[in-house]
Amino acid sequence: MKRLKVLLLKPYSQADELIPPFALGYLATAIREKHDVTILDCLKEKIPPDQLGLLVSRFLLFMFPQLKNIQRLLKEFCLMR
């Protein structure tokens, strides 16, 4: 099986201020032997909800350079309409 890069994301929620993302930690531990795992806790990193989409987009473009070509093609397609 191919080794995957996995991003486990805990979105910002004021209800979770006192509880770290234990479930994501358990999941990461279970799959870390076969995959590269990163946990992103938006509360800990102080990432507000309105910036999360931009952050994930940048992460994906960094991790998967071929997405830049797809992004360019989508922009061209949208401009043609």
PDB file of N, CA and C in Angstrom:
ATOM      1  N   MET A   1       0.841  -1.183   0.000  1.00  0.00           N
ATOM      2  CA  MET A   1       0.000   0.000   0.000  1.00  0.00           C
ATOM      3  C   MET A   1       0.890   1.251   0.000  1.00  0.00           C
ATOM      4  N   LYS A   2       0.494   2.238  -0.763  1.00  0.00           N
ATOM      5  CA  LYS A   2       1.251   3.486  -0.857  1.00  0.00           C
ATOM      6  C   LYS A   2       1.127   4.288   0.450  1.00  0.00           C
ATOM      7  N   ARG A   3       2.243   4.877   0.870  1.00  0.00           N
ATOM      8  CA  ARG A   3       2.259   5.719   2.075  1.00  0.00           C
ATOM      9  C   ARG A   3       1.602   7.053   1.725  1.00  0.00           C
ATOM     10  N   LEU A   4       0.585   7.444   2.465  1.00  0.00           N
ATOM     11  CA  LEU A   4      -0.161   8.670   2.200  1.00  0.00           C
ATOM     12  C   LEU A   4       0.229   9.774   3.175  1.00  0.00           C
ATOM     13  N   LYS A   5       0.036  11.009   2.746  1.00  0.00           N
ATOM     14  CA  LYS A   5       0.172  12.169   3.627  1.00  0.00           C
ATOM     15  C   LYS A   5      -1.237  12.529   4.080  1.00  0.00           C
ATOM     16  N   VAL A   6      -1.463  12.476   5.389  1.00  0.00           N
ATOM     17  CA  VAL A   6      -2.796  12.673   5.942  1.00  0.00           C
ATOM     18  C   VAL A   6      -2.801  13.922   6.824  1.00  0.00           C
ATOM     19  N   LEU A   7      -3.764  14.811   6.575  1.00  0.00           N
ATOM     20  CA  LEU A   7      -3.961  15.990   7.414  1.00  0.00           C
ATOM     21  C   LEU A   7      -5.251  15.793   8.192  1.00  0.00           C
ATOM     22  N   LEU A   8      -5.144  15.705   9.511  1.00  0.00           N
ATOM     23  CA  LEU A   8      -6.313  15.621  10.377  1.00  0.00           C
ATOM     24  C   LEU A   8      -6.564  17.024  10.905  1.00  0.00           C
ATOM     25  N   LEU A   9      -7.741  17.536  10.633  1.00  0.00           N
ATOM     26  CA  LEU A   9      -8.050  18.930  10.898  1.00  0.00           C
ATOM     27  C   LEU A   9      -9.107  19.045  11.985  1.00  0.00           C
ATOM     28  N   LYS A  10      -8.810  19.831  13.018  1.00  0.00           N
ATOM     29  CA  LYS A  10      -9.770  20.139  14.078  1.00  0.00           C
ATOM     30  C   LYS A  10     -10.147  21.600  13.910  1.00  0.00           C
ATOM     31  N   PRO A  11     -11.341  21.870  13.336  1.00  0.00           N
ATOM     32  CA  PRO A  11     -11.738  23.263  13.118  1.00  0.00           C
ATOM     33  C   PRO A  11     -11.904  24.022  14.435  1.00  0.00           C
ATOM     34  N   TYR A  12     -11.842  25.320  14.343  1.00  0.00           N
ATOM     35  CA  TYR A  12     -11.998  26.192  15.510  1.00  0.00           C
ATOM     36  C   TYR A  12     -13.422  26.079  16.038  1.00  0.00           C
ATOM     37  N   SER A  13     -13.554  25.906  17.334  1.00  0.00           N
ATOM     38  CA  SER A  13     -14.858  25.877  17.980  1.00  0.00           C
ATOM     39  C   SER A  13     -14.684  26.362  19.410  1.00  0.00           C
ATOM     40  N   GLN A  14     -15.446  27.378  19.782  1.00  0.00           N
ATOM     41  CA  GLN A  14     -15.327  27.907  21.137  1.00  0.00           C
ATOM     42  C   GLN A  14     -15.733  26.885  22.185  1.00  0.00           C
ATOM     43  N   ALA A  15     -16.554  25.914  21.804  1.00  0.00           N
ATOM     44  CA  ALA A  15     -16.987  24.883  22.750  1.00  0.00           C
ATOM     45  C   ALA A  15     -15.832  23.963  23.130  1.00  0.00           C
ATOM     46  N   ASP A  16     -14.781  23.920  22.325  1.00  0.00           N
ATOM     47  CA  ASP A  16     -13.667  23.003  22.552  1.00  0.00           C
ATOM     48  C   ASP A  16     -12.460  23.657  23.210  1.00  0.00           C
ATOM     49  N   GLU A  17     -12.632  24.817  23.811  1.00  0.00           N
ATOM     50  CA  GLU A  17     -11.485  25.552  24.337  1.00  0.00           C
ATOM     51  C   GLU A  17     -10.699  24.793  25.403  1.00  0.00           C
ATOM     52  N   LEU A  18     -11.336  23.914  26.137  1.00  0.00           N
ATOM     53  CA  LEU A  18     -10.656  23.228  27.233  1.00  0.00           C
ATOM     54  C   LEU A  18     -10.262  21.791  26.897  1.00  0.00           C
ATOM     55  N   ILE A  19     -10.733  21.282  25.766  1.00  0.00           N
ATOM     56  CA  ILE A  19     -10.512  19.875  25.443  1.00  0.00           C
ATOM     57  C   ILE A  19      -9.669  19.758  24.173  1.00  0.00           C
ATOM     58  N   PRO A  20      -8.454  19.244  24.271  1.00  0.00           N
ATOM     59  CA  PRO A  20      -7.645  19.040  23.057  1.00  0.00           C
ATOM     60  C   PRO A  20      -8.262  17.942  22.188  1.00  0.00           C
ATOM     61  N   PRO A  21      -7.894  17.870  20.924  1.00  0.00           N
ATOM     62  CA  PRO A  21      -8.493  16.888  20.010  1.00  0.00           C
ATOM     63  C   PRO A  21      -7.953  15.472  20.235  1.00  0.00           C
ATOM     64  N   PHE A  22      -8.366  14.842  21.343  1.00  0.00           N
ATOM     65  CA  PHE A  22      -7.887  13.502  21.680  1.00  0.00           C
ATOM     66  C   PHE A  22      -8.238  12.480  20.596  1.00  0.00           C
ATOM     67  N   ALA A  23      -9.445  12.575  20.051  1.00  0.00           N
ATOM     68  CA  ALA A  23      -9.872  11.593  19.040  1.00  0.00           C
ATOM     69  C   ALA A  23      -8.941  11.617  17.838  1.00  0.00           C
ATOM     70  N   LEU A  24      -8.521  12.816  17.432  1.00  0.00           N
ATOM     71  CA  LEU A  24      -7.589  12.908  16.305  1.00  0.00           C
ATOM     72  C   LEU A  24      -6.239  12.310  16.678  1.00  0.00           C
ATOM     73  N   GLY A  25      -5.843  12.469  17.926  1.00  0.00           N
ATOM     74  CA  GLY A  25      -4.595  11.865  18.387  1.00  0.00           C
ATOM     75  C   GLY A  25      -4.639  10.349  18.341  1.00  0.00           C
ATOM     76  N   TYR A  26      -5.764   9.791  18.747  1.00  0.00           N
ATOM     77  CA  TYR A  26      -5.926   8.336  18.685  1.00  0.00           C
ATOM     78  C   TYR A  26      -5.895   7.852  17.242  1.00  0.00           C
ATOM     79  N   LEU A  27      -6.609   8.568  16.367  1.00  0.00           N
ATOM     80  CA  LEU A  27      -6.630   8.190  14.956  1.00  0.00           C
ATOM     81  C   LEU A  27      -5.233   8.296  14.345  1.00  0.00           C
ATOM     82  N   ALA A  28      -4.530   9.375  14.653  1.00  0.00           N
ATOM     83  CA  ALA A  28      -3.169   9.556  14.141  1.00  0.00           C
ATOM     84  C   ALA A  28      -2.262   8.422  14.594  1.00  0.00           C
ATOM     85  N   THR A  29      -2.378   8.040  15.848  1.00  0.00           N
ATOM     86  CA  THR A  29      -1.558   6.948  16.381  1.00  0.00           C
ATOM     87  C   THR A  29      -1.854   5.643  15.647  1.00  0.00           C
ATOM     88  N   ALA A  30      -3.112   5.420  15.333  1.00  0.00           N
ATOM     89  CA  ALA A  30      -3.507   4.172  14.682  1.00  0.00           C
ATOM     90  C   ALA A  30      -2.971   4.067  13.251  1.00  0.00           C
ATOM     91  N   ILE A  31      -2.828   5.192  12.558  1.00  0.00           N
ATOM     92  CA  ILE A  31      -2.417   5.132  11.150  1.00  0.00           C
ATOM     93  C   ILE A  31      -0.988   5.606  10.904  1.00  0.00           C
ATOM     94  N   ARG A  32      -0.332   6.135  11.926  1.00  0.00           N
ATOM     95  CA  ARG A  32       1.001   6.723  11.757  1.00  0.00           C
ATOM     96  C   ARG A  32       2.049   5.717  11.278  1.00  0.00           C
ATOM     97  N   GLU A  33       1.879   4.462  11.604  1.00  0.00           N
ATOM     98  CA  GLU A  33       2.851   3.453  11.194  1.00  0.00           C
ATOM     99  C   GLU A  33       2.907   3.306   9.665  1.00  0.00           C
ATOM    100  N   LYS A  34       1.773   3.505   9.007  1.00  0.00           N
ATOM    101  CA  LYS A  34       1.717   3.319   7.553  1.00  0.00           C
ATOM    102  C   LYS A  34       1.578   4.616   6.767  1.00  0.00           C
ATOM    103  N   HIS A  35       1.340   5.741   7.458  1.00  0.00           N
ATOM    104  CA  HIS A  35       1.107   7.005   6.761  1.00  0.00           C
ATOM    105  C   HIS A  35       1.785   8.159   7.495  1.00  0.00           C
ATOM    106  N   ASP A  36       2.050   9.239   6.770  1.00  0.00           N
ATOM    107  CA  ASP A  36       2.594  10.465   7.357  1.00  0.00           C
ATOM    108  C   ASP A  36       1.414  11.319   7.816  1.00  0.00           C
ATOM    109  N   VAL A  37       1.312  11.562   9.110  1.00  0.00           N
ATOM    110  CA  VAL A  37       0.139  12.221   9.686  1.00  0.00           C
ATOM    111  C   VAL A  37       0.513  13.569  10.291  1.00  0.00           C
ATOM    112  N   THR A  38      -0.314  14.571  10.002  1.00  0.00           N
ATOM    113  CA  THR A  38      -0.193  15.893  10.613  1.00  0.00           C
ATOM    114  C   THR A  38      -1.540  16.253  11.212  1.00  0.00           C
ATOM    115  N   ILE A  39      -1.538  16.747  12.440  1.00  0.00           N
ATOM    116  CA  ILE A  39      -2.765  17.219  13.077  1.00  0.00           C
ATOM    117  C   ILE A  39      -2.709  18.742  13.124  1.00  0.00           C
ATOM    118  N   LEU A  40      -3.763  19.380  12.655  1.00  0.00           N
ATOM    119  CA  LEU A  40      -3.870  20.833  12.711  1.00  0.00           C
ATOM    120  C   LEU A  40      -5.034  21.192  13.627  1.00  0.00           C
ATOM    121  N   ASP A  41      -4.721  21.738  14.794  1.00  0.00           N
ATOM    122  CA  ASP A  41      -5.723  22.179  15.770  1.00  0.00           C
ATOM    123  C   ASP A  41      -5.876  23.691  15.598  1.00  0.00           C
ATOM    124  N   CYS A  42      -6.975  24.095  14.998  1.00  0.00           N
ATOM    125  CA  CYS A  42      -7.169  25.517  14.676  1.00  0.00           C
ATOM    126  C   CYS A  42      -7.277  26.399  15.908  1.00  0.00           C
ATOM    127  N   LEU A  43      -7.787  25.863  17.010  1.00  0.00           N
ATOM    128  CA  LEU A  43      -7.866  26.656  18.232  1.00  0.00           C
ATOM    129  C   LEU A  43      -6.469  26.919  18.781  1.00  0.00           C
ATOM    130  N   LYS A  44      -5.659  25.867  18.854  1.00  0.00           N
ATOM    131  CA  LYS A  44      -4.299  26.009  19.368  1.00  0.00           C
ATOM    132  C   LYS A  44      -3.465  26.943  18.492  1.00  0.00           C
ATOM    133  N   GLU A  45      -3.643  26.825  17.180  1.00  0.00           N
ATOM    134  CA  GLU A  45      -2.880  27.648  16.236  1.00  0.00           C
ATOM    135  C   GLU A  45      -3.517  29.017  16.006  1.00  0.00           C
ATOM    136  N   LYS A  46      -4.657  29.262  16.659  1.00  0.00           N
ATOM    137  CA  LYS A  46      -5.376  30.543  16.555  1.00  0.00           C
ATOM    138  C   LYS A  46      -5.740  30.874  15.105  1.00  0.00           C
ATOM    139  N   ILE A  47      -6.320  29.893  14.429  1.00  0.00           N
ATOM    140  CA  ILE A  47      -6.761  30.075  13.044  1.00  0.00           C
ATOM    141  C   ILE A  47      -8.272  30.260  13.062  1.00  0.00           C
ATOM    142  N   PRO A  48      -8.758  31.485  12.766  1.00  0.00           N
ATOM    143  CA  PRO A  48     -10.203  31.724  12.776  1.00  0.00           C
ATOM    144  C   PRO A  48     -10.889  30.992  11.619  1.00  0.00           C
ATOM    145  N   PRO A  49     -12.184  30.702  11.781  1.00  0.00           N
ATOM    146  CA  PRO A  49     -12.902  29.933  10.763  1.00  0.00           C
ATOM    147  C   PRO A  49     -12.856  30.553   9.363  1.00  0.00           C
ATOM    148  N   ASP A  50     -12.861  31.882   9.283  1.00  0.00           N
ATOM    149  CA  ASP A  50     -12.874  32.510   7.965  1.00  0.00           C
ATOM    150  C   ASP A  50     -11.533  32.404   7.233  1.00  0.00           C
ATOM    151  N   GLN A  51     -10.475  31.985   7.918  1.00  0.00           N
ATOM    152  CA  GLN A  51      -9.175  31.813   7.263  1.00  0.00           C
ATOM    153  C   GLN A  51      -8.836  30.350   6.999  1.00  0.00           C
ATOM    154  N   LEU A  52      -9.674  29.458   7.486  1.00  0.00           N
ATOM    155  CA  LEU A  52      -9.387  28.030   7.367  1.00  0.00           C
ATOM    156  C   LEU A  52      -9.350  27.563   5.913  1.00  0.00           C
ATOM    157  N   GLY A  53     -10.302  27.998   5.109  1.00  0.00           N
ATOM    158  CA  GLY A  53     -10.342  27.597   3.700  1.00  0.00           C
ATOM    159  C   GLY A  53      -9.087  28.014   2.955  1.00  0.00           C
ATOM    160  N   LEU A  54      -8.632  29.233   3.180  1.00  0.00           N
ATOM    161  CA  LEU A  54      -7.412  29.726   2.536  1.00  0.00           C
ATOM    162  C   LEU A  54      -6.202  28.919   2.985  1.00  0.00           C
ATOM    163  N   LEU A  55      -6.125  28.617   4.258  1.00  0.00           N
ATOM    164  CA  LEU A  55      -5.004  27.842   4.786  1.00  0.00           C
ATOM    165  C   LEU A  55      -4.961  26.441   4.174  1.00  0.00           C
ATOM    166  N   VAL A  56      -6.120  25.786   4.111  1.00  0.00           N
ATOM    167  CA  VAL A  56      -6.177  24.438   3.543  1.00  0.00           C
ATOM    168  C   VAL A  56      -5.812  24.480   2.058  1.00  0.00           C
ATOM    169  N   SER A  57      -6.277  25.499   1.332  1.00  0.00           N
ATOM    170  CA  SER A  57      -5.933  25.640  -0.088  1.00  0.00           C
ATOM    171  C   SER A  57      -4.426  25.762  -0.271  1.00  0.00           C
ATOM    172  N   ARG A  58      -3.790  26.589   0.547  1.00  0.00           N
ATOM    173  CA  ARG A  58      -2.332  26.753   0.454  1.00  0.00           C
ATOM    174  C   ARG A  58      -1.608  25.462   0.805  1.00  0.00           C
ATOM    175  N   PHE A  59      -2.100  24.761   1.818  1.00  0.00           N
ATOM    176  CA  PHE A  59      -1.496  23.490   2.210  1.00  0.00           C
ATOM    177  C   PHE A  59      -1.578  22.491   1.059  1.00  0.00           C
ATOM    178  N   LEU A  60      -2.741  22.407   0.437  1.00  0.00           N
ATOM    179  CA  LEU A  60      -2.913  21.452  -0.664  1.00  0.00           C
ATOM    180  C   LEU A  60      -2.012  21.800  -1.839  1.00  0.00           C
ATOM    181  N   LEU A  61      -1.902  23.081  -2.160  1.00  0.00           N
ATOM    182  CA  LEU A  61      -1.040  23.485  -3.271  1.00  0.00           C
ATOM    183  C   LEU A  61       0.426  23.198  -2.963  1.00  0.00           C
ATOM    184  N   PHE A  62       0.822  23.337  -1.702  1.00  0.00           N
ATOM    185  CA  PHE A  62       2.192  23.038  -1.308  1.00  0.00           C
ATOM    186  C   PHE A  62       2.468  21.540  -1.374  1.00  0.00           C
ATOM    187  N   MET A  63       1.530  20.749  -0.872  1.00  0.00           N
ATOM    188  CA  MET A  63       1.726  19.303  -0.806  1.00  0.00           C
ATOM    189  C   MET A  63       1.591  18.633  -2.177  1.00  0.00           C
ATOM    190  N   PHE A  64       0.758  19.209  -3.034  1.00  0.00           N
ATOM    191  CA  PHE A  64       0.474  18.594  -4.329  1.00  0.00           C
ATOM    192  C   PHE A  64       0.645  19.625  -5.439  1.00  0.00           C
ATOM    193  N   PRO A  65       1.885  19.834  -5.903  1.00  0.00           N
ATOM    194  CA  PRO A  65       2.157  20.878  -6.889  1.00  0.00           C
ATOM    195  C   PRO A  65       1.317  20.749  -8.160  1.00  0.00           C
ATOM    196  N   GLN A  66       0.898  19.535  -8.531  1.00  0.00           N
ATOM    197  CA  GLN A  66       0.107  19.375  -9.736  1.00  0.00           C
ATOM    198  C   GLN A  66      -1.249  20.065  -9.619  1.00  0.00           C
ATOM    199  N   LEU A  67      -1.677  20.375  -8.394  1.00  0.00           N
ATOM    200  CA  LEU A  67      -2.944  21.088  -8.225  1.00  0.00           C
ATOM    201  C   LEU A  67      -2.870  22.510  -8.774  1.00  0.00           C
ATOM    202  N   LYS A  68      -1.657  23.065  -8.890  1.00  0.00           N
ATOM    203  CA  LYS A  68      -1.527  24.407  -9.461  1.00  0.00           C
ATOM    204  C   LYS A  68      -2.030  24.419 -10.899  1.00  0.00           C
ATOM    205  N   ASN A  69      -1.735  23.365 -11.645  1.00  0.00           N
ATOM    206  CA  ASN A  69      -2.222  23.287 -13.022  1.00  0.00           C
ATOM    207  C   ASN A  69      -3.738  23.178 -13.060  1.00  0.00           C
ATOM    208  N   ILE A  70      -4.296  22.391 -12.156  1.00  0.00           N
ATOM    209  CA  ILE A  70      -5.754  22.253 -12.090  1.00  0.00           C
ATOM    210  C   ILE A  70      -6.386  23.588 -11.707  1.00  0.00           C
ATOM    211  N   GLN A  71      -5.765  24.288 -10.755  1.00  0.00           N
ATOM    212  CA  GLN A  71      -6.272  25.592 -10.331  1.00  0.00           C
ATOM    213  C   GLN A  71      -6.254  26.571 -11.504  1.00  0.00           C
ATOM    214  N   ARG A  72      -5.168  26.568 -12.267  1.00  0.00           N
ATOM    215  CA  ARG A  72      -5.051  27.465 -13.415  1.00  0.00           C
ATOM    216  C   ARG A  72      -6.132  27.148 -14.460  1.00  0.00           C
ATOM    217  N   LEU A  73      -6.333  25.880 -14.739  1.00  0.00           N
ATOM    218  CA  LEU A  73      -7.344  25.479 -15.712  1.00  0.00           C
ATOM    219  C   LEU A  73      -8.745  25.867 -15.261  1.00  0.00           C
ATOM    220  N   LEU A  74      -9.020  25.701 -13.965  1.00  0.00           N
ATOM    221  CA  LEU A  74     -10.333  26.097 -13.451  1.00  0.00           C
ATOM    222  C   LEU A  74     -10.553  27.600 -13.566  1.00  0.00           C
ATOM    223  N   LYS A  75      -9.518  28.386 -13.275  1.00  0.00           N
ATOM    224  CA  LYS A  75      -9.637  29.837 -13.406  1.00  0.00           C
ATOM    225  C   LYS A  75      -9.917  30.222 -14.858  1.00  0.00           C
ATOM    226  N   GLU A  76      -9.176  29.598 -15.787  1.00  0.00           N
ATOM    227  CA  GLU A  76      -9.390  29.887 -17.193  1.00  0.00           C
ATOM    228  C   GLU A  76     -10.805  29.517 -17.622  1.00  0.00           C
ATOM    229  N   PHE A  77     -11.268  28.377 -17.164  1.00  0.00           N
ATOM    230  CA  PHE A  77     -12.611  27.931 -17.509  1.00  0.00           C
ATOM    231  C   PHE A  77     -13.657  28.902 -16.982  1.00  0.00           C
ATOM    232  N   CYS A  78     -13.487  29.332 -15.728  1.00  0.00           N
ATOM    233  CA  CYS A  78     -14.456  30.259 -15.118  1.00  0.00           C
ATOM    234  C   CYS A  78     -14.447  31.616 -15.812  1.00  0.00           C
ATOM    235  N   LEU A  79     -13.298  32.057 -16.288  1.00  0.00           N
ATOM    236  CA  LEU A  79     -13.210  33.339 -16.976  1.00  0.00           C
ATOM    237  C   LEU A  79     -13.832  33.274 -18.367  1.00  0.00           C
ATOM    238  N   MET A  80     -13.870  32.089 -18.965  1.00  0.00           N
ATOM    239  CA  MET A  80     -14.452  31.930 -20.290  1.00  0.00           C
ATOM    240  C   MET A  80     -15.975  31.995 -20.241  1.00  0.00           C
ATOM    241  N   ARG A  81     -16.574  31.760 -19.106  1.00  0.00           N
ATOM    242  CA  ARG A  81     -18.033  31.715 -19.008  1.00  0.00           C
ATOM    243  C   ARG A  81     -18.625  33.066 -18.935  1.00  0.00           C
TER     244      ARG A  81
END
